[in-house]
């Protein structure tokens, strides 16, 4: 018999799948995504990437920051970002812009 103080939580598989589907981003070419990059010395820095290509599991883009640390990349370099590495999305609304 389970006591109410046992702190047991049960989640059905259907509920887990529904929650996963709720977190959906409509990435567009030109939007900005933020990723944490790690230098060869272990230094970490958050940087923005402009989306150029979108694939099911990853995004290819152009680094839009000048790294402050000793990184092997520089502003303007092409980088690959796994969708699981995305920290923030800045969707650019280009409607009404001439």
PDB file of N, CA and C in Angstrom:
ATOM      1  N   UNK A   1       0.835  -1.176   0.000  1.00  0.00           N
ATOM      2  CA  UNK A   1       0.000   0.000   0.000  1.00  0.00           C
ATOM      3  C   UNK A   1       0.885   1.247   0.000  1.00  0.00           C
ATOM      4  N   UNK A   2       0.546   2.224  -0.811  1.00  0.00           N
ATOM      5  CA  UNK A   2       1.327   3.453  -0.931  1.00  0.00           C
ATOM      6  C   UNK A   2       0.785   4.489   0.038  1.00  0.00           C
ATOM      7  N   UNK A   3       1.665   5.031   0.835  1.00  0.00           N
ATOM      8  CA  UNK A   3       1.321   6.099   1.769  1.00  0.00           C
ATOM      9  C   UNK A   3       1.368   7.417   1.014  1.00  0.00           C
ATOM     10  N   UNK A   4       0.488   8.362   1.339  1.00  0.00           N
ATOM     11  CA  UNK A   4       0.459   9.643   0.633  1.00  0.00           C
ATOM     12  C   UNK A   4       1.730  10.455   0.845  1.00  0.00           C
ATOM     13  N   UNK A   5       2.566  10.083   1.787  1.00  0.00           N
ATOM     14  CA  UNK A   5       3.825  10.791   2.037  1.00  0.00           C
ATOM     15  C   UNK A   5       5.011  10.159   1.317  1.00  0.00           C
ATOM     16  N   UNK A   6       4.774   9.199   0.430  1.00  0.00           N
ATOM     17  CA  UNK A   6       5.855   8.506  -0.273  1.00  0.00           C
ATOM     18  C   UNK A   6       6.444   9.311  -1.435  1.00  0.00           C
ATOM     19  N   UNK A   7       5.811  10.413  -1.812  1.00  0.00           N
ATOM     20  CA  UNK A   7       6.299  11.280  -2.893  1.00  0.00           C
ATOM     21  C   UNK A   7       6.523  10.530  -4.202  1.00  0.00           C
ATOM     22  N   UNK A   8       5.595   9.700  -4.574  1.00  0.00           N
ATOM     23  CA  UNK A   8       5.698   8.961  -5.830  1.00  0.00           C
ATOM     24  C   UNK A   8       4.847   9.678  -6.868  1.00  0.00           C
ATOM     25  N   UNK A   9       5.448   9.947  -8.015  1.00  0.00           N
ATOM     26  CA  UNK A   9       4.729  10.609  -9.099  1.00  0.00           C
ATOM     27  C   UNK A   9       4.711   9.666 -10.291  1.00  0.00           C
ATOM     28  N   UNK A  10       3.543   9.477 -10.869  1.00  0.00           N
ATOM     29  CA  UNK A  10       3.404   8.634 -12.047  1.00  0.00           C
ATOM     30  C   UNK A  10       2.863   9.487 -13.184  1.00  0.00           C
ATOM     31  N   UNK A  11       3.499   9.398 -14.352  1.00  0.00           N
ATOM     32  CA  UNK A  11       3.048  10.136 -15.526  1.00  0.00           C
ATOM     33  C   UNK A  11       2.878   9.138 -16.658  1.00  0.00           C
ATOM     34  N   UNK A  12       1.717   9.168 -17.285  1.00  0.00           N
ATOM     35  CA  UNK A  12       1.489   8.236 -18.391  1.00  0.00           C
ATOM     36  C   UNK A  12       2.271   8.676 -19.623  1.00  0.00           C
ATOM     37  N   UNK A  13       2.604   7.727 -20.487  1.00  0.00           N
ATOM     38  CA  UNK A  13       3.378   8.018 -21.702  1.00  0.00           C
ATOM     39  C   UNK A  13       2.653   8.985 -22.627  1.00  0.00           C
ATOM     40  N   UNK A  14       1.326   8.883 -22.711  1.00  0.00           N
ATOM     41  CA  UNK A  14       0.570   9.802 -23.566  1.00  0.00           C
ATOM     42  C   UNK A  14       0.739  11.246 -23.109  1.00  0.00           C
ATOM     43  N   UNK A  15       0.740  11.466 -21.795  1.00  0.00           N
ATOM     44  CA  UNK A  15       0.899  12.821 -21.254  1.00  0.00           C
ATOM     45  C   UNK A  15       2.280  13.382 -21.582  1.00  0.00           C
ATOM     46  N   UNK A  16       3.299  12.556 -21.470  1.00  0.00           N
ATOM     47  CA  UNK A  16       4.659  12.994 -21.777  1.00  0.00           C
ATOM     48  C   UNK A  16       4.754  13.406 -23.240  1.00  0.00           C
ATOM     49  N   UNK A  17       4.208  12.613 -24.141  1.00  0.00           N
ATOM     50  CA  UNK A  17       4.247  12.925 -25.571  1.00  0.00           C
ATOM     51  C   UNK A  17       3.482  14.210 -25.872  1.00  0.00           C
ATOM     52  N   UNK A  18       2.357  14.424 -25.219  1.00  0.00           N
ATOM     53  CA  UNK A  18       1.580  15.657 -25.438  1.00  0.00           C
ATOM     54  C   UNK A  18       2.374  16.873 -25.004  1.00  0.00           C
ATOM     55  N   UNK A  19       3.090  16.765 -23.887  1.00  0.00           N
ATOM     56  CA  UNK A  19       3.903  17.891 -23.415  1.00  0.00           C
ATOM     57  C   UNK A  19       5.031  18.197 -24.387  1.00  0.00           C
ATOM     58  N   UNK A  20       5.660  17.167 -24.947  1.00  0.00           N
ATOM     59  CA  UNK A  20       6.738  17.379 -25.914  1.00  0.00           C
ATOM     60  C   UNK A  20       6.223  18.144 -27.127  1.00  0.00           C
ATOM     61  N   UNK A  21       5.010  17.820 -27.575  1.00  0.00           N
ATOM     62  CA  UNK A  21       4.450  18.464 -28.765  1.00  0.00           C
ATOM     63  C   UNK A  21       4.068  19.915 -28.505  1.00  0.00           C
ATOM     64  N   UNK A  22       3.857  20.282 -27.239  1.00  0.00           N
ATOM     65  CA  UNK A  22       3.482  21.647 -26.912  1.00  0.00           C
ATOM     66  C   UNK A  22       4.642  22.622 -27.104  1.00  0.00           C
ATOM     67  N   UNK A  23       5.865  22.146 -26.998  1.00  0.00           N
ATOM     68  CA  UNK A  23       7.035  23.008 -27.151  1.00  0.00           C
ATOM     69  C   UNK A  23       7.508  22.914 -28.595  1.00  0.00           C
ATOM     70  N   UNK A  24       6.892  23.721 -29.442  1.00  0.00           N
ATOM     71  CA  UNK A  24       7.212  23.707 -30.868  1.00  0.00           C
ATOM     72  C   UNK A  24       7.540  25.134 -31.290  1.00  0.00           C
ATOM     73  N   UNK A  25       8.652  25.293 -31.947  1.00  0.00           N
ATOM     74  CA  UNK A  25       9.034  26.605 -32.460  1.00  0.00           C
ATOM     75  C   UNK A  25       8.919  26.579 -33.971  1.00  0.00           C
ATOM     76  N   UNK A  26       8.438  27.653 -34.507  1.00  0.00           N
ATOM     77  CA  UNK A  26       8.377  27.799 -35.958  1.00  0.00           C
ATOM     78  C   UNK A  26       9.574  28.636 -36.392  1.00  0.00           C
ATOM     79  N   UNK A  27      10.741  28.000 -36.397  1.00  0.00           N
ATOM     80  CA  UNK A  27      11.952  28.696 -36.807  1.00  0.00           C
ATOM     81  C   UNK A  27      11.821  29.125 -38.252  1.00  0.00           C
ATOM     82  N   UNK A  28      12.351  30.313 -38.524  1.00  0.00           N
ATOM     83  CA  UNK A  28      12.347  30.806 -39.897  1.00  0.00           C
ATOM     84  C   UNK A  28      13.763  31.247 -40.266  1.00  0.00           C
ATOM     85  N   UNK A  29      14.065  31.170 -41.541  1.00  0.00           N
ATOM     86  CA  UNK A  29      15.334  31.684 -42.036  1.00  0.00           C
ATOM     87  C   UNK A  29      15.398  33.166 -41.659  1.00  0.00           C
ATOM     88  N   UNK A  30      16.520  33.570 -41.073  1.00  0.00           N
ATOM     89  CA  UNK A  30      16.692  34.962 -40.679  1.00  0.00           C
ATOM     90  C   UNK A  30      16.439  35.223 -39.200  1.00  0.00           C
ATOM     91  N   UNK A  31      15.723  34.319 -38.523  1.00  0.00           N
ATOM     92  CA  UNK A  31      15.523  34.457 -37.079  1.00  0.00           C
ATOM     93  C   UNK A  31      16.862  34.262 -36.365  1.00  0.00           C
ATOM     94  N   UNK A  32      16.925  34.711 -35.126  1.00  0.00           N
ATOM     95  CA  UNK A  32      18.128  34.548 -34.319  1.00  0.00           C
ATOM     96  C   UNK A  32      17.890  33.504 -33.236  1.00  0.00           C
ATOM     97  N   UNK A  33      18.887  32.660 -33.014  1.00  0.00           N
ATOM     98  CA  UNK A  33      18.836  31.694 -31.924  1.00  0.00           C
ATOM     99  C   UNK A  33      20.072  31.893 -31.050  1.00  0.00           C
ATOM    100  N   UNK A  34      19.911  31.642 -29.765  1.00  0.00           N
ATOM    101  CA  UNK A  34      21.031  31.798 -28.838  1.00  0.00           C
ATOM    102  C   UNK A  34      21.508  30.426 -28.396  1.00  0.00           C
ATOM    103  N   UNK A  35      22.820  30.251 -28.408  1.00  0.00           N
ATOM    104  CA  UNK A  35      23.442  28.992 -28.008  1.00  0.00           C
ATOM    105  C   UNK A  35      24.604  29.283 -27.063  1.00  0.00           C
ATOM    106  N   UNK A  36      24.858  28.355 -26.136  1.00  0.00           N
ATOM    107  CA  UNK A  36      26.029  28.446 -25.262  1.00  0.00           C
ATOM    108  C   UNK A  36      27.192  27.738 -25.955  1.00  0.00           C
ATOM    109  N   UNK A  37      28.212  28.479 -26.287  1.00  0.00           N
ATOM    110  CA  UNK A  37      29.411  27.918 -26.893  1.00  0.00           C
ATOM    111  C   UNK A  37      30.453  27.704 -25.804  1.00  0.00           C
ATOM    112  N   UNK A  38      31.285  26.679 -25.966  1.00  0.00           N
ATOM    113  CA  UNK A  38      32.335  26.361 -25.003  1.00  0.00           C
ATOM    114  C   UNK A  38      33.683  26.428 -25.724  1.00  0.00           C
ATOM    115  N   UNK A  39      34.624  27.180 -25.139  1.00  0.00           N
ATOM    116  CA  UNK A  39      35.954  27.304 -25.733  1.00  0.00           C
ATOM    117  C   UNK A  39      36.782  26.073 -25.423  1.00  0.00           C
ATOM    118  N   UNK A  40      37.950  25.986 -26.044  1.00  0.00           N
ATOM    119  CA  UNK A  40      38.834  24.847 -25.791  1.00  0.00           C
ATOM    120  C   UNK A  40      39.344  24.849 -24.350  1.00  0.00           C
ATOM    121  N   UNK A  41      39.285  26.013 -23.677  1.00  0.00           N
ATOM    122  CA  UNK A  41      39.697  26.114 -22.268  1.00  0.00           C
ATOM    123  C   UNK A  41      38.528  25.889 -21.306  1.00  0.00           C
ATOM    124  N   UNK A  42      37.339  25.610 -21.857  1.00  0.00           N
ATOM    125  CA  UNK A  42      36.167  25.380 -21.012  1.00  0.00           C
ATOM    126  C   UNK A  42      35.372  26.634 -20.690  1.00  0.00           C
ATOM    127  N   UNK A  43      35.802  27.758 -21.238  1.00  0.00           N
ATOM    128  CA  UNK A  43      35.083  29.013 -21.028  1.00  0.00           C
ATOM    129  C   UNK A  43      33.756  28.960 -21.784  1.00  0.00           C
ATOM    130  N   UNK A  44      32.704  29.488 -21.176  1.00  0.00           N
ATOM    131  CA  UNK A  44      31.377  29.443 -21.800  1.00  0.00           C
ATOM    132  C   UNK A  44      30.899  30.847 -22.121  1.00  0.00           C
ATOM    133  N   UNK A  45      30.219  30.948 -23.269  1.00  0.00           N
ATOM    134  CA  UNK A  45      29.708  32.247 -23.692  1.00  0.00           C
ATOM    135  C   UNK A  45      28.433  32.039 -24.501  1.00  0.00           C
ATOM    136  N   UNK A  46      27.421  32.849 -24.206  1.00  0.00           N
ATOM    137  CA  UNK A  46      26.185  32.817 -24.982  1.00  0.00           C
ATOM    138  C   UNK A  46      26.340  33.714 -26.193  1.00  0.00           C
ATOM    139  N   UNK A  47      25.978  33.184 -27.363  1.00  0.00           N
ATOM    140  CA  UNK A  47      26.109  33.962 -28.590  1.00  0.00           C
ATOM    141  C   UNK A  47      24.904  33.722 -29.490  1.00  0.00           C
ATOM    142  N   UNK A  48      24.627  34.714 -30.320  1.00  0.00           N
ATOM    143  CA  UNK A  48      23.515  34.653 -31.260  1.00  0.00           C
ATOM    144  C   UNK A  48      23.961  34.090 -32.605  1.00  0.00           C
ATOM    145  N   UNK A  49      23.058  33.342 -33.240  1.00  0.00           N
ATOM    146  CA  UNK A  49      23.291  32.744 -34.550  1.00  0.00           C
ATOM    147  C   UNK A  49      22.107  33.101 -35.453  1.00  0.00           C
ATOM    148  N   UNK A  50      22.384  33.585 -36.639  1.00  0.00           N
ATOM    149  CA  UNK A  50      21.334  33.888 -37.618  1.00  0.00           C
ATOM    150  C   UNK A  50      21.033  32.612 -38.396  1.00  0.00           C
ATOM    151  N   UNK A  51      19.774  32.211 -38.402  1.00  0.00           N
ATOM    152  CA  UNK A  51      19.387  30.960 -39.074  1.00  0.00           C
ATOM    153  C   UNK A  51      19.485  31.104 -40.588  1.00  0.00           C
ATOM    154  N   UNK A  52      20.188  30.155 -41.218  1.00  0.00           N
ATOM    155  CA  UNK A  52      20.318  30.109 -42.683  1.00  0.00           C
ATOM    156  C   UNK A  52      19.696  28.849 -43.272  1.00  0.00           C
ATOM    157  N   UNK A  53      19.786  27.722 -42.553  1.00  0.00           N
ATOM    158  CA  UNK A  53      19.222  26.448 -43.015  1.00  0.00           C
ATOM    159  C   UNK A  53      18.605  25.727 -41.820  1.00  0.00           C
ATOM    160  N   UNK A  54      17.465  25.065 -42.046  1.00  0.00           N
ATOM    161  CA  UNK A  54      16.760  24.362 -40.975  1.00  0.00           C
ATOM    162  C   UNK A  54      16.585  22.900 -41.359  1.00  0.00           C
ATOM    163  N   UNK A  55      16.997  22.011 -40.451  1.00  0.00           N
ATOM    164  CA  UNK A  55      16.870  20.574 -40.629  1.00  0.00           C
ATOM    165  C   UNK A  55      16.098  20.004 -39.439  1.00  0.00           C
ATOM    166  N   UNK A  56      15.640  18.759 -39.520  1.00  0.00           N
ATOM    167  CA  UNK A  56      14.847  18.203 -38.414  1.00  0.00           C
ATOM    168  C   UNK A  56      15.524  18.268 -37.041  1.00  0.00           C
ATOM    169  N   UNK A  57      16.819  18.021 -36.971  1.00  0.00           N
ATOM    170  CA  UNK A  57      17.498  17.960 -35.675  1.00  0.00           C
ATOM    171  C   UNK A  57      18.498  19.099 -35.436  1.00  0.00           C
ATOM    172  N   UNK A  58      18.778  19.889 -36.471  1.00  0.00           N
ATOM    173  CA  UNK A  58      19.809  20.922 -36.316  1.00  0.00           C
ATOM    174  C   UNK A  58      19.486  22.137 -37.168  1.00  0.00           C
ATOM    175  N   UNK A  59      20.212  23.201 -36.886  1.00  0.00           N
ATOM    176  CA  UNK A  59      20.103  24.444 -37.639  1.00  0.00           C
ATOM    177  C   UNK A  59      21.516  24.866 -38.031  1.00  0.00           C
ATOM    178  N   UNK A  60      21.660  25.333 -39.251  1.00  0.00           N
ATOM    179  CA  UNK A  60      22.927  25.887 -39.725  1.00  0.00           C
ATOM    180  C   UNK A  60      22.733  27.390 -39.791  1.00  0.00           C
ATOM    181  N   UNK A  61      23.707  28.121 -39.260  1.00  0.00           N
ATOM    182  CA  UNK A  61      23.579  29.568 -39.265  1.00  0.00           C
ATOM    183  C   UNK A  61      24.916  30.261 -39.242  1.00  0.00           C
ATOM    184  N   UNK A  62      24.842  31.580 -39.146  1.00  0.00           N
ATOM    185  CA  UNK A  62      26.028  32.435 -39.146  1.00  0.00           C
ATOM    186  C   UNK A  62      26.152  33.074 -37.762  1.00  0.00           C
ATOM    187  N   UNK A  63      27.319  32.940 -37.153  1.00  0.00           N
ATOM    188  CA  UNK A  63      27.554  33.527 -35.841  1.00  0.00           C
ATOM    189  C   UNK A  63      27.439  35.045 -35.946  1.00  0.00           C
ATOM    190  N   UNK A  64      26.614  35.638 -35.072  1.00  0.00           N
ATOM    191  CA  UNK A  64      26.331  37.068 -35.134  1.00  0.00           C
ATOM    192  C   UNK A  64      26.948  37.823 -33.952  1.00  0.00           C
ATOM    193  N   UNK A  65      27.914  37.232 -33.281  1.00  0.00           N
ATOM    194  CA  UNK A  65      28.618  37.857 -32.161  1.00  0.00           C
ATOM    195  C   UNK A  65      30.111  37.776 -32.375  1.00  0.00           C
ATOM    196  N   UNK A  66      30.821  38.714 -31.771  1.00  0.00           N
ATOM    197  CA  UNK A  66      32.279  38.622 -31.710  1.00  0.00           C
ATOM    198  C   UNK A  66      32.598  37.979 -30.365  1.00  0.00           C
ATOM    199  N   UNK A  67      33.106  36.740 -30.371  1.00  0.00           N
ATOM    200  CA  UNK A  67      33.404  36.070 -29.096  1.00  0.00           C
ATOM    201  C   UNK A  67      34.399  36.871 -28.261  1.00  0.00           C
ATOM    202  N   UNK A  68      34.116  36.954 -26.967  1.00  0.00           N
ATOM    203  CA  UNK A  68      35.023  37.654 -26.053  1.00  0.00           C
ATOM    204  C   UNK A  68      36.168  36.764 -25.612  1.00  0.00           C
ATOM    205  N   UNK A  69      35.889  35.461 -25.529  1.00  0.00           N
ATOM    206  CA  UNK A  69      36.901  34.507 -25.080  1.00  0.00           C
ATOM    207  C   UNK A  69      37.717  33.952 -26.229  1.00  0.00           C
ATOM    208  N   UNK A  70      38.543  32.950 -25.904  1.00  0.00           N
ATOM    209  CA  UNK A  70      39.418  32.304 -26.877  1.00  0.00           C
ATOM    210  C   UNK A  70      38.671  31.135 -27.528  1.00  0.00           C
ATOM    211  N   UNK A  71      37.832  31.453 -28.511  1.00  0.00           N
ATOM    212  CA  UNK A  71      37.050  30.449 -29.212  1.00  0.00           C
ATOM    213  C   UNK A  71      37.657  30.202 -30.588  1.00  0.00           C
ATOM    214  N   UNK A  72      37.370  29.050 -31.138  1.00  0.00           N
ATOM    215  CA  UNK A  72      37.903  28.715 -32.469  1.00  0.00           C
ATOM    216  C   UNK A  72      36.975  29.185 -33.577  1.00  0.00           C
ATOM    217  N   UNK A  73      36.033  30.067 -33.231  1.00  0.00           N
ATOM    218  CA  UNK A  73      35.102  30.634 -34.211  1.00  0.00           C
ATOM    219  C   UNK A  73      35.136  32.146 -34.082  1.00  0.00           C
ATOM    220  N   UNK A  74      34.679  32.807 -35.146  1.00  0.00           N
ATOM    221  CA  UNK A  74      34.628  34.270 -35.122  1.00  0.00           C
ATOM    222  C   UNK A  74      33.312  34.731 -35.761  1.00  0.00           C
ATOM    223  N   UNK A  75      32.983  35.967 -35.529  1.00  0.00           N
ATOM    224  CA  UNK A  75      31.767  36.540 -36.090  1.00  0.00           C
ATOM    225  C   UNK A  75      31.761  36.335 -37.606  1.00  0.00           C
ATOM    226  N   UNK A  76      30.629  35.849 -38.124  1.00  0.00           N
ATOM    227  CA  UNK A  76      30.504  35.601 -39.560  1.00  0.00           C
ATOM    228  C   UNK A  76      30.759  34.157 -39.957  1.00  0.00           C
ATOM    229  N   UNK A  77      31.298  33.344 -39.035  1.00  0.00           N
ATOM    230  CA  UNK A  77      31.541  31.927 -39.327  1.00  0.00           C
ATOM    231  C   UNK A  77      30.225  31.150 -39.377  1.00  0.00           C
ATOM    232  N   UNK A  78      30.199  30.132 -40.222  1.00  0.00           N
ATOM    233  CA  UNK A  78      29.051  29.219 -40.255  1.00  0.00           C
ATOM    234  C   UNK A  78      29.183  28.250 -39.087  1.00  0.00           C
ATOM    235  N   UNK A  79      28.068  28.060 -38.357  1.00  0.00           N
ATOM    236  CA  UNK A  79      28.062  27.145 -37.219  1.00  0.00           C
ATOM    237  C   UNK A  79      26.832  26.243 -37.291  1.00  0.00           C
ATOM    238  N   UNK A  80      26.929  25.111 -36.630  1.00  0.00           N
ATOM    239  CA  UNK A  80      25.829  24.153 -36.543  1.00  0.00           C
ATOM    240  C   UNK A  80      25.319  24.154 -35.107  1.00  0.00           C
ATOM    241  N   UNK A  81      24.005  24.209 -34.953  1.00  0.00           N
ATOM    242  CA  UNK A  81      23.386  24.208 -33.631  1.00  0.00           C
ATOM    243  C   UNK A  81      22.346  23.101 -33.583  1.00  0.00           C
ATOM    244  N   UNK A  82      22.504  22.178 -32.642  1.00  0.00           N
ATOM    245  CA  UNK A  82      21.471  21.167 -32.432  1.00  0.00           C
ATOM    246  C   UNK A  82      20.268  21.864 -31.816  1.00  0.00           C
ATOM    247  N   UNK A  83      19.076  21.443 -32.192  1.00  0.00           N
ATOM    248  CA  UNK A  83      17.882  22.093 -31.663  1.00  0.00           C
ATOM    249  C   UNK A  83      17.796  21.979 -30.147  1.00  0.00           C
ATOM    250  N   UNK A  84      18.400  20.952 -29.581  1.00  0.00           N
ATOM    251  CA  UNK A  84      18.397  20.795 -28.123  1.00  0.00           C
ATOM    252  C   UNK A  84      19.340  21.787 -27.431  1.00  0.00           C
ATOM    253  N   UNK A  85      20.213  22.447 -28.201  1.00  0.00           N
ATOM    254  CA  UNK A  85      21.162  23.409 -27.643  1.00  0.00           C
ATOM    255  C   UNK A  85      20.635  24.843 -27.648  1.00  0.00           C
ATOM    256  N   UNK A  86      19.473  25.053 -28.238  1.00  0.00           N
ATOM    257  CA  UNK A  86      18.926  26.402 -28.370  1.00  0.00           C
ATOM    258  C   UNK A  86      18.407  26.875 -27.022  1.00  0.00           C
ATOM    259  N   UNK A  87      18.887  28.026 -26.597  1.00  0.00           N
ATOM    260  CA  UNK A  87      18.491  28.601 -25.316  1.00  0.00           C
ATOM    261  C   UNK A  87      17.375  29.623 -25.489  1.00  0.00           C
ATOM    262  N   UNK A  88      17.414  30.372 -26.576  1.00  0.00           N
ATOM    263  CA  UNK A  88      16.428  31.425 -26.808  1.00  0.00           C
ATOM    264  C   UNK A  88      16.241  31.614 -28.296  1.00  0.00           C
ATOM    265  N   UNK A  89      15.044  32.033 -28.687  1.00  0.00           N
ATOM    266  CA  UNK A  89      14.741  32.315 -30.087  1.00  0.00           C
ATOM    267  C   UNK A  89      14.239  33.744 -30.177  1.00  0.00           C
ATOM    268  N   UNK A  90      14.784  34.499 -31.106  1.00  0.00           N
ATOM    269  CA  UNK A  90      14.314  35.844 -31.382  1.00  0.00           C
ATOM    270  C   UNK A  90      13.742  35.813 -32.788  1.00  0.00           C
ATOM    271  N   UNK A  91      12.418  35.755 -32.853  1.00  0.00           N
ATOM    272  CA  UNK A  91      11.759  35.703 -34.155  1.00  0.00           C
ATOM    273  C   UNK A  91      11.658  37.107 -34.710  1.00  0.00           C
ATOM    274  N   UNK A  92      12.234  37.310 -35.860  1.00  0.00           N
ATOM    275  CA  UNK A  92      12.214  38.620 -36.481  1.00  0.00           C
ATOM    276  C   UNK A  92      10.981  38.766 -37.351  1.00  0.00           C
ATOM    277  N   UNK A  93      10.206  39.804 -37.096  1.00  0.00           N
ATOM    278  CA  UNK A  93       9.013  40.083 -37.875  1.00  0.00           C
ATOM    279  C   UNK A  93       9.385  41.108 -38.920  1.00  0.00           C
ATOM    280  N   UNK A  94       9.459  40.670 -40.159  1.00  0.00           N
ATOM    281  CA  UNK A  94       9.889  41.561 -41.225  1.00  0.00           C
ATOM    282  C   UNK A  94       8.719  42.219 -41.953  1.00  0.00           C
ATOM    283  N   UNK A  95       7.486  41.946 -41.519  1.00  0.00           N
ATOM    284  CA  UNK A  95       6.336  42.570 -42.143  1.00  0.00           C
ATOM    285  C   UNK A  95       6.330  44.055 -41.832  1.00  0.00           C
ATOM    286  N   UNK A  96       6.061  44.839 -42.821  1.00  0.00           N
ATOM    287  CA  UNK A  96       6.011  46.283 -42.630  1.00  0.00           C
ATOM    288  C   UNK A  96       7.360  46.967 -42.673  1.00  0.00           C
ATOM    289  N   UNK A  97       8.408  46.194 -42.930  1.00  0.00           N
ATOM    290  CA  UNK A  97       9.746  46.772 -43.034  1.00  0.00           C
ATOM    291  C   UNK A  97      10.093  46.915 -44.495  1.00  0.00           C
ATOM    292  N   UNK A  98      10.498  48.110 -44.892  1.00  0.00           N
ATOM    293  CA  UNK A  98      10.850  48.324 -46.308  1.00  0.00           C
ATOM    294  C   UNK A  98      12.300  48.042 -46.560  1.00  0.00           C
TER     295      UNK A  98
END
